[in-house]
Amino acid sequence: MVVGLDTSCYTTSLALVSLEGGLLGEARRLLPVEAGMRGMAQSEAVFHHVRNLTGLWQELPLPAGDTEIVGVAAAVRPRPEPASYMPVFTVARSYGRFLAAALGVSCWETSHQEGHIVAGLYGLAVGGRAPDSGEEGQETDPVPVRWETLGAQLPPEFLTVHLSGGTSEILRVAVARGGRLNIEVVGGTMDLPAGQLIDRIGVLMGLPFPSGPHLERLTRAYEGEFVRLPVAVHGGYFSLSGPETMACRLLQQGEPPGAVARAVEDCIAKALEKALRYLAAETGLKHVLMVGGVSANARLRERLRHRLGHRAVGASLLFPPGKYCTDNAVGAAGIGAKNLLASWQE
């Protein structure tokens, strides 16, 4: 089996996968953000990751028998770029290298973004929505998935929306030989990530951090009049700093929190809709994989399916089960398994 590690800005994650493609077990723990705060300093997050990892390992449902660890994989940077860096990911790098050295196995280093994409593909394989069904499936574990052919249900190139607290990018993804991902940024936010918009407005309303699930519940419960937030979209890129300013102003003017919560969600959906319409026309790519914690939002999914899935646009939106959208180490472990299998075939 292969061990995966991911220490992102707000979640410590471990995962175990088999080379045959099964998810053997995983464990995650959110970092404790103080009430009323909109985040956590990197140094404090590093401290919590170090403290979490031992406890998380003990929580992993280790498989029975003589299953051997044959590889380790760690998300060591935010994006697959040499200059991409955040201190929190040094924890996964250090622990991954130490564990691999102690066991005498290889350690593969990947990025948090690549992990999200592979976790999303895995989620689709074990229970995600079929490309044109309009429904999100339910996972039925354990389901064997061949790591080396993961994503075979998609065209060789497709679009991916990585939507989270730290990133809001639209990517052109090509699956190369051996399952390696070639990633090009073709759109996304020009300033504020979607998750930060949600968290900033949510905390201003008095909601816990991270605010996504709480804001979503507030939206579902609201039955009053709606307000709208204008959003600027230029080609595949959009700006969310203006909507943040307007949402703050609406709350100061006494607008109901539920109305503003719904406006925030609708504004993000509208920005993505316009950007994806443009990019689908420009690139000719119609398959869109949605990953990252914000992409688990039910209202966002419903609107994008409705507006982009009809015949006039013809996009095929792919939504993995929610647990494979939020931060996890399943993708990192899967990347390790794919690399190990590829090395054995050389």
Protein backbone atom coordinates (compact mmCIF):
# COMPACT_ATOMS: atom_id res chain seq x y z
CA MET A 1 0.00 0.00 0.00
CA VAL A 2 0.97 3.66 -0.39
CA VAL A 3 0.67 6.35 2.30
CA GLY A 4 -0.44 9.86 1.29
CA LEU A 5 0.08 13.04 3.33
CA ASP A 6 -1.37 16.52 2.83
CA THR A 7 -0.97 19.40 5.30
CA SER A 8 -2.94 22.27 3.77
CA CYS A 9 -3.81 25.62 5.31
CA TYR A 10 -6.66 24.26 7.44
CA THR A 11 -6.69 20.44 7.23
CA THR A 12 -4.26 17.67 8.21
CA SER A 13 -4.88 14.59 6.05
CA LEU A 14 -3.57 11.03 5.75
CA ALA A 15 -4.68 8.26 3.37
CA LEU A 16 -3.78 4.67 2.56
CA VAL A 17 -4.41 3.19 -0.89
CA SER A 18 -3.67 -0.18 -2.41
CA LEU A 19 -1.86 -0.61 -5.70
CA GLU A 20 -4.95 -2.41 -6.96
CA GLY A 21 -6.84 0.87 -6.64
CA GLY A 22 -8.77 0.61 -3.41
CA LEU A 23 -8.93 3.28 -0.72
CA LEU A 24 -7.89 1.35 2.40
CA GLY A 25 -8.48 4.18 4.84
CA GLU A 26 -8.14 7.88 5.45
CA ALA A 27 -8.28 10.39 8.31
CA ARG A 28 -8.56 14.19 8.37
CA ARG A 29 -8.59 16.85 11.05
CA LEU A 30 -9.51 20.51 10.66
CA LEU A 31 -7.16 22.99 12.31
CA PRO A 32 -8.77 24.92 15.21
CA VAL A 33 -9.39 28.51 14.11
CA GLU A 34 -10.29 30.85 16.97
CA ALA A 35 -13.88 32.10 16.93
CA GLY A 36 -14.24 35.41 15.10
CA MET A 37 -10.97 34.99 13.20
CA ARG A 38 -10.81 34.73 9.39
CA GLY A 39 -7.91 32.32 9.28
CA MET A 40 -4.70 31.22 10.95
CA ALA A 41 -1.05 32.25 10.68
CA GLN A 42 1.12 29.78 8.79
CA SER A 43 3.40 29.28 11.80
CA GLU A 44 0.43 28.33 13.98
CA ALA A 45 -0.91 26.00 11.28
CA VAL A 46 2.49 24.26 11.06
CA PHE A 47 2.38 23.71 14.85
CA HIS A 48 -1.06 22.10 14.66
CA HIS A 49 -0.09 19.87 11.71
CA VAL A 50 2.91 18.54 13.63
CA ARG A 51 0.70 17.85 16.63
CA ASN A 52 -2.07 16.26 14.54
CA LEU A 53 -0.13 13.74 12.48
CA THR A 54 0.62 11.21 15.23
CA GLY A 55 -2.98 11.16 16.39
CA LEU A 56 -4.28 10.89 12.83
CA TRP A 57 -2.05 7.89 12.15
CA GLN A 58 -3.59 6.14 15.15
CA GLU A 59 -7.07 6.92 13.77
CA LEU A 60 -6.36 5.34 10.38
CA PRO A 61 -8.28 2.07 9.90
CA LEU A 62 -5.21 -0.01 9.05
CA PRO A 63 -5.99 -3.10 6.96
CA ALA A 64 -5.71 -6.50 8.60
CA GLY A 65 -2.95 -8.90 7.62
CA ASP A 66 0.58 -8.34 6.40
CA THR A 67 -0.09 -5.39 4.10
CA GLU A 68 3.24 -3.71 3.42
CA ILE A 69 3.90 -0.01 2.89
CA VAL A 70 5.72 0.15 -0.46
CA GLY A 71 5.68 3.90 -1.05
CA VAL A 72 4.94 7.33 0.39
CA ALA A 73 3.56 10.41 -1.37
CA ALA A 74 3.28 13.94 -0.01
CA ALA A 75 1.71 17.20 -1.22
CA VAL A 76 4.69 19.54 -0.76
CA ARG A 77 3.50 22.72 -2.50
CA PRO A 78 0.21 24.42 -3.42
CA ARG A 79 0.57 24.15 -7.23
CA PRO A 80 2.76 22.19 -9.65
CA GLU A 81 5.21 25.05 -10.12
CA PRO A 82 8.81 25.21 -8.83
CA ALA A 83 8.25 28.58 -7.13
CA SER A 84 4.97 27.55 -5.48
CA TYR A 85 5.48 27.55 -1.71
CA MET A 86 3.61 27.68 1.58
CA PRO A 87 5.16 26.79 4.96
CA VAL A 88 2.31 24.43 5.89
CA PHE A 89 3.30 21.98 3.14
CA THR A 90 6.81 21.57 4.58
CA VAL A 91 5.22 19.42 7.29
CA ALA A 92 3.97 16.87 4.74
CA ARG A 93 7.34 17.03 2.96
CA SER A 94 9.35 16.42 6.15
CA TYR A 95 7.14 13.65 7.51
CA GLY A 96 6.87 12.02 4.10
CA ARG A 97 10.64 11.96 3.58
CA PHE A 98 11.24 10.70 7.12
CA LEU A 99 8.67 7.91 6.82
CA ALA A 100 10.00 6.82 3.42
CA ALA A 101 13.62 6.80 4.67
CA ALA A 102 12.67 4.81 7.78
CA LEU A 103 10.86 2.21 5.67
CA GLY A 104 13.41 2.15 2.86
CA VAL A 105 10.84 3.07 0.19
CA SER A 106 10.45 5.89 -2.33
CA CYS A 107 8.77 9.21 -1.51
CA TRP A 108 6.95 10.96 -4.36
CA GLU A 109 6.41 14.69 -4.02
CA THR A 110 3.39 16.25 -5.66
CA SER A 111 1.26 19.38 -5.28
CA HIS A 112 -1.95 20.05 -3.37
CA GLN A 113 -3.66 21.02 -6.63
CA GLU A 114 -2.70 17.79 -8.42
CA GLY A 115 -3.95 15.90 -5.38
CA HIS A 116 -7.33 17.61 -5.67
CA ILE A 117 -7.62 16.62 -9.33
CA VAL A 118 -6.70 12.97 -8.74
CA ALA A 119 -9.00 12.76 -5.71
CA GLY A 120 -11.79 14.17 -7.88
CA LEU A 121 -11.13 11.57 -10.59
CA TYR A 122 -11.09 8.84 -7.95
CA GLY A 123 -14.38 10.14 -6.53
CA LEU A 124 -15.96 9.97 -9.98
CA ALA A 125 -14.69 6.42 -10.46
CA VAL A 126 -16.09 5.11 -7.17
CA GLY A 127 -19.39 6.92 -7.13
CA GLY A 128 -19.42 10.27 -8.89
CA ARG A 129 -21.96 11.52 -11.37
CA ALA A 130 -21.92 9.93 -14.78
CA PRO A 131 -20.96 12.64 -17.30
CA ASP A 132 -24.42 13.25 -18.68
CA SER A 133 -26.79 11.89 -16.05
CA GLY A 134 -27.30 15.09 -14.09
CA GLU A 135 -27.06 13.14 -10.84
CA GLU A 136 -24.40 12.81 -8.20
CA GLY A 137 -23.76 9.18 -7.37
CA GLN A 138 -23.23 7.57 -4.02
CA GLU A 139 -19.94 5.89 -3.29
CA THR A 140 -20.02 2.16 -2.63
CA ASP A 141 -16.70 1.23 -0.98
CA PRO A 142 -14.59 -0.70 -1.63
CA VAL A 143 -14.45 -0.33 -5.42
CA PRO A 144 -11.24 -1.30 -7.25
CA VAL A 145 -9.93 1.52 -9.42
CA ARG A 146 -6.88 1.06 -11.61
CA TRP A 147 -4.66 4.04 -10.77
CA GLU A 148 -2.82 3.87 -14.07
CA THR A 149 -6.07 4.32 -16.02
CA LEU A 150 -7.74 6.82 -13.69
CA GLY A 151 -9.59 9.44 -15.71
CA ALA A 152 -10.04 7.15 -18.70
CA GLN A 153 -13.75 8.05 -18.72
CA LEU A 154 -12.75 11.60 -19.71
CA PRO A 155 -11.28 12.95 -22.97
CA PRO A 156 -7.47 13.33 -23.10
CA GLU A 157 -7.97 17.03 -22.29
CA PHE A 158 -10.60 18.63 -20.06
CA LEU A 159 -11.22 21.70 -17.93
CA THR A 160 -10.95 21.62 -14.14
CA VAL A 161 -12.27 24.22 -11.72
CA HIS A 162 -10.23 24.27 -8.50
CA LEU A 163 -12.40 26.25 -6.12
CA SER A 164 -11.32 26.59 -2.50
CA GLY A 165 -10.30 29.01 0.24
CA GLY A 166 -6.84 29.59 -1.18
CA THR A 167 -7.37 28.95 -4.89
CA SER A 168 -9.97 29.75 -7.51
CA GLU A 169 -8.48 28.70 -10.84
CA ILE A 170 -9.78 27.21 -14.06
CA LEU A 171 -7.29 24.75 -15.48
CA ARG A 172 -6.75 23.05 -18.81
CA VAL A 173 -5.69 19.52 -17.88
CA ALA A 174 -4.18 16.92 -20.19
CA VAL A 175 -3.51 13.37 -19.02
CA ALA A 176 -0.11 12.35 -20.36
CA ARG A 177 1.50 8.93 -20.59
CA GLY A 178 1.59 7.10 -17.29
CA GLY A 179 -1.22 9.24 -15.92
CA ARG A 180 0.91 12.36 -15.43
CA LEU A 181 -1.07 15.60 -15.47
CA ASN A 182 -0.11 18.59 -17.63
CA ILE A 183 -1.82 21.64 -16.15
CA GLU A 184 -2.26 25.11 -17.63
CA VAL A 185 -4.08 27.94 -15.88
CA VAL A 186 -6.61 29.44 -18.31
CA GLY A 187 -8.91 31.36 -15.97
CA GLY A 188 -9.97 32.08 -12.42
CA THR A 189 -10.02 34.89 -9.91
CA MET A 190 -7.94 38.02 -10.43
CA ASP A 191 -8.00 38.86 -6.71
CA LEU A 192 -10.05 37.11 -4.04
CA PRO A 193 -10.59 33.30 -4.06
CA ALA A 194 -14.20 32.16 -3.79
CA GLY A 195 -13.60 30.44 -0.45
CA GLN A 196 -12.16 33.60 1.06
CA LEU A 197 -15.20 35.57 -0.07
CA ILE A 198 -17.45 33.04 1.66
CA ASP A 199 -15.33 32.95 4.82
CA ARG A 200 -14.95 36.71 5.14
CA ILE A 201 -18.67 37.35 4.78
CA GLY A 202 -19.53 34.34 6.94
CA VAL A 203 -17.29 35.46 9.81
CA LEU A 204 -18.71 38.99 9.51
CA MET A 205 -22.15 37.40 10.04
CA GLY A 206 -20.87 35.60 13.13
CA LEU A 207 -20.58 32.17 11.49
CA PRO A 208 -17.75 29.75 12.40
CA PHE A 209 -14.65 29.44 10.22
CA PRO A 210 -14.53 27.86 7.68
CA SER A 211 -17.94 29.25 6.87
CA GLY A 212 -18.94 27.35 3.72
CA PRO A 213 -21.31 24.72 5.20
CA HIS A 214 -22.81 27.26 7.64
CA LEU A 215 -23.42 29.82 4.88
CA GLU A 216 -25.04 27.11 2.76
CA ARG A 217 -27.44 26.18 5.58
CA LEU A 218 -28.27 29.87 6.07
CA THR A 219 -29.10 30.16 2.37
CA ARG A 220 -31.35 27.09 2.40
CA ALA A 221 -33.31 28.40 5.39
CA TYR A 222 -33.88 31.90 3.93
CA GLU A 223 -37.27 32.53 2.30
CA GLY A 224 -37.30 36.32 1.94
CA GLU A 225 -36.54 38.68 -0.92
CA PHE A 226 -33.27 38.31 -2.82
CA VAL A 227 -30.48 40.79 -3.38
CA ARG A 228 -27.81 40.61 -6.06
CA LEU A 229 -24.07 41.23 -6.15
CA PRO A 230 -22.57 42.41 -9.45
CA VAL A 231 -19.45 40.56 -10.58
CA ALA A 232 -16.94 41.52 -13.29
CA VAL A 233 -15.89 38.77 -15.71
CA HIS A 234 -13.29 39.23 -18.44
CA GLY A 235 -12.88 36.16 -20.62
CA GLY A 236 -12.01 33.28 -18.30
CA TYR A 237 -11.12 35.56 -15.39
CA PHE A 238 -13.29 37.23 -12.76
CA SER A 239 -13.00 39.58 -9.78
CA LEU A 240 -14.60 38.89 -6.38
CA SER A 241 -13.23 41.83 -4.36
CA GLY A 242 -16.06 44.07 -5.58
CA PRO A 243 -18.77 41.62 -4.48
CA GLU A 244 -17.07 41.39 -1.07
CA THR A 245 -17.26 45.17 -0.63
CA MET A 246 -20.90 45.23 -1.70
CA ALA A 247 -21.83 42.30 0.58
CA CYS A 248 -20.25 44.05 3.57
CA ARG A 249 -22.17 47.21 2.72
CA LEU A 250 -25.47 45.30 2.46
CA LEU A 251 -24.96 43.77 5.90
CA GLN A 252 -24.15 47.20 7.35
CA GLN A 253 -27.38 48.51 5.81
CA GLY A 254 -29.38 45.84 7.60
CA GLU A 255 -30.05 43.35 4.80
CA PRO A 256 -30.94 39.88 6.21
CA PRO A 257 -27.89 37.60 6.49
CA GLY A 258 -29.76 34.90 4.55
CA ALA A 259 -30.28 37.26 1.61
CA VAL A 260 -26.61 38.22 1.55
CA ALA A 261 -25.52 34.59 1.93
CA ARG A 262 -27.58 33.62 -1.11
CA ALA A 263 -26.24 36.60 -3.06
CA VAL A 264 -22.65 35.50 -2.32
CA GLU A 265 -23.32 31.98 -3.59
CA ASP A 266 -25.13 33.27 -6.69
CA CYS A 267 -22.36 35.72 -7.46
CA ILE A 268 -19.72 32.95 -7.43
CA ALA A 269 -21.93 30.75 -9.60
CA LYS A 270 -22.52 33.57 -12.08
CA ALA A 271 -18.79 34.32 -12.35
CA LEU A 272 -18.01 30.66 -13.03
CA GLU A 273 -20.85 30.33 -15.49
CA LYS A 274 -19.64 33.25 -17.62
CA ALA A 275 -15.99 32.20 -17.44
CA LEU A 276 -16.74 28.59 -18.34
CA ARG A 277 -19.01 29.58 -21.22
CA TYR A 278 -16.15 31.63 -22.64
CA LEU A 279 -13.50 28.94 -22.12
CA ALA A 280 -15.67 26.13 -23.51
CA ALA A 281 -16.12 28.18 -26.68
CA GLU A 282 -12.43 29.19 -26.87
CA THR A 283 -10.90 25.77 -26.16
CA GLY A 284 -13.61 23.45 -27.49
CA LEU A 285 -13.37 21.50 -24.21
CA LYS A 286 -16.80 20.56 -22.87
CA HIS A 287 -15.95 18.30 -19.92
CA VAL A 288 -15.48 20.22 -16.66
CA LEU A 289 -14.25 18.55 -13.46
CA MET A 290 -15.14 20.46 -10.27
CA VAL A 291 -12.79 20.09 -7.27
CA GLY A 292 -12.00 22.01 -4.08
CA GLY A 293 -14.16 22.55 -1.02
CA VAL A 294 -16.35 25.32 -2.49
CA SER A 295 -17.36 23.03 -5.37
CA ALA A 296 -19.26 20.86 -2.86
CA ASN A 297 -21.83 23.68 -2.47
CA ALA A 298 -25.22 22.31 -3.52
CA ARG A 299 -26.61 25.59 -4.88
CA LEU A 300 -23.47 26.16 -6.97
CA ARG A 301 -23.77 22.66 -8.43
CA GLU A 302 -27.45 23.08 -9.21
CA ARG A 303 -27.01 26.41 -10.99
CA LEU A 304 -24.00 25.33 -13.04
CA ARG A 305 -25.72 22.12 -14.11
CA HIS A 306 -28.80 24.06 -15.15
CA ARG A 307 -27.02 26.90 -16.98
CA LEU A 308 -24.15 25.02 -18.60
CA GLY A 309 -25.54 21.54 -19.09
CA HIS A 310 -28.33 22.42 -21.52
CA ARG A 311 -28.01 21.94 -25.28
CA ALA A 312 -27.09 25.55 -26.05
CA VAL A 313 -23.79 25.14 -24.19
CA GLY A 314 -23.42 21.37 -24.11
CA ALA A 315 -20.99 21.23 -21.20
CA SER A 316 -20.62 18.01 -19.22
CA LEU A 317 -20.11 18.96 -15.55
CA LEU A 318 -18.43 16.36 -13.38
CA PHE A 319 -19.04 16.62 -9.63
CA PRO A 320 -17.28 14.07 -7.39
CA PRO A 321 -18.88 13.18 -4.04
CA GLY A 322 -18.32 16.03 -1.59
CA LYS A 323 -15.73 14.25 0.54
CA TYR A 324 -13.40 14.06 -2.46
CA CYS A 325 -13.78 17.81 -3.10
CA THR A 326 -12.64 19.03 0.30
CA ASP A 327 -8.97 18.82 1.35
CA ASN A 328 -7.75 15.23 1.60
CA ALA A 329 -4.70 13.01 1.08
CA VAL A 330 -6.43 10.48 -1.20
CA GLY A 331 -5.16 12.27 -4.30
CA ALA A 332 -1.56 12.39 -3.05
CA ALA A 333 -1.66 8.68 -2.20
CA GLY A 334 -3.13 7.90 -5.61
CA ILE A 335 -0.38 9.86 -7.35
CA GLY A 336 2.19 7.84 -5.39
CA ALA A 337 0.52 4.58 -6.43
CA LYS A 338 0.44 5.68 -10.09
CA ASN A 339 4.13 6.62 -10.02
CA LEU A 340 5.12 3.38 -8.33
CA LEU A 341 3.23 1.27 -10.87
CA ALA A 342 4.76 3.28 -13.73
CA SER A 343 8.29 2.77 -12.33
CA TRP A 344 7.75 -0.99 -12.19
CA GLN A 345 6.74 -1.02 -15.86
CA GLU A 346 9.87 0.80 -17.05
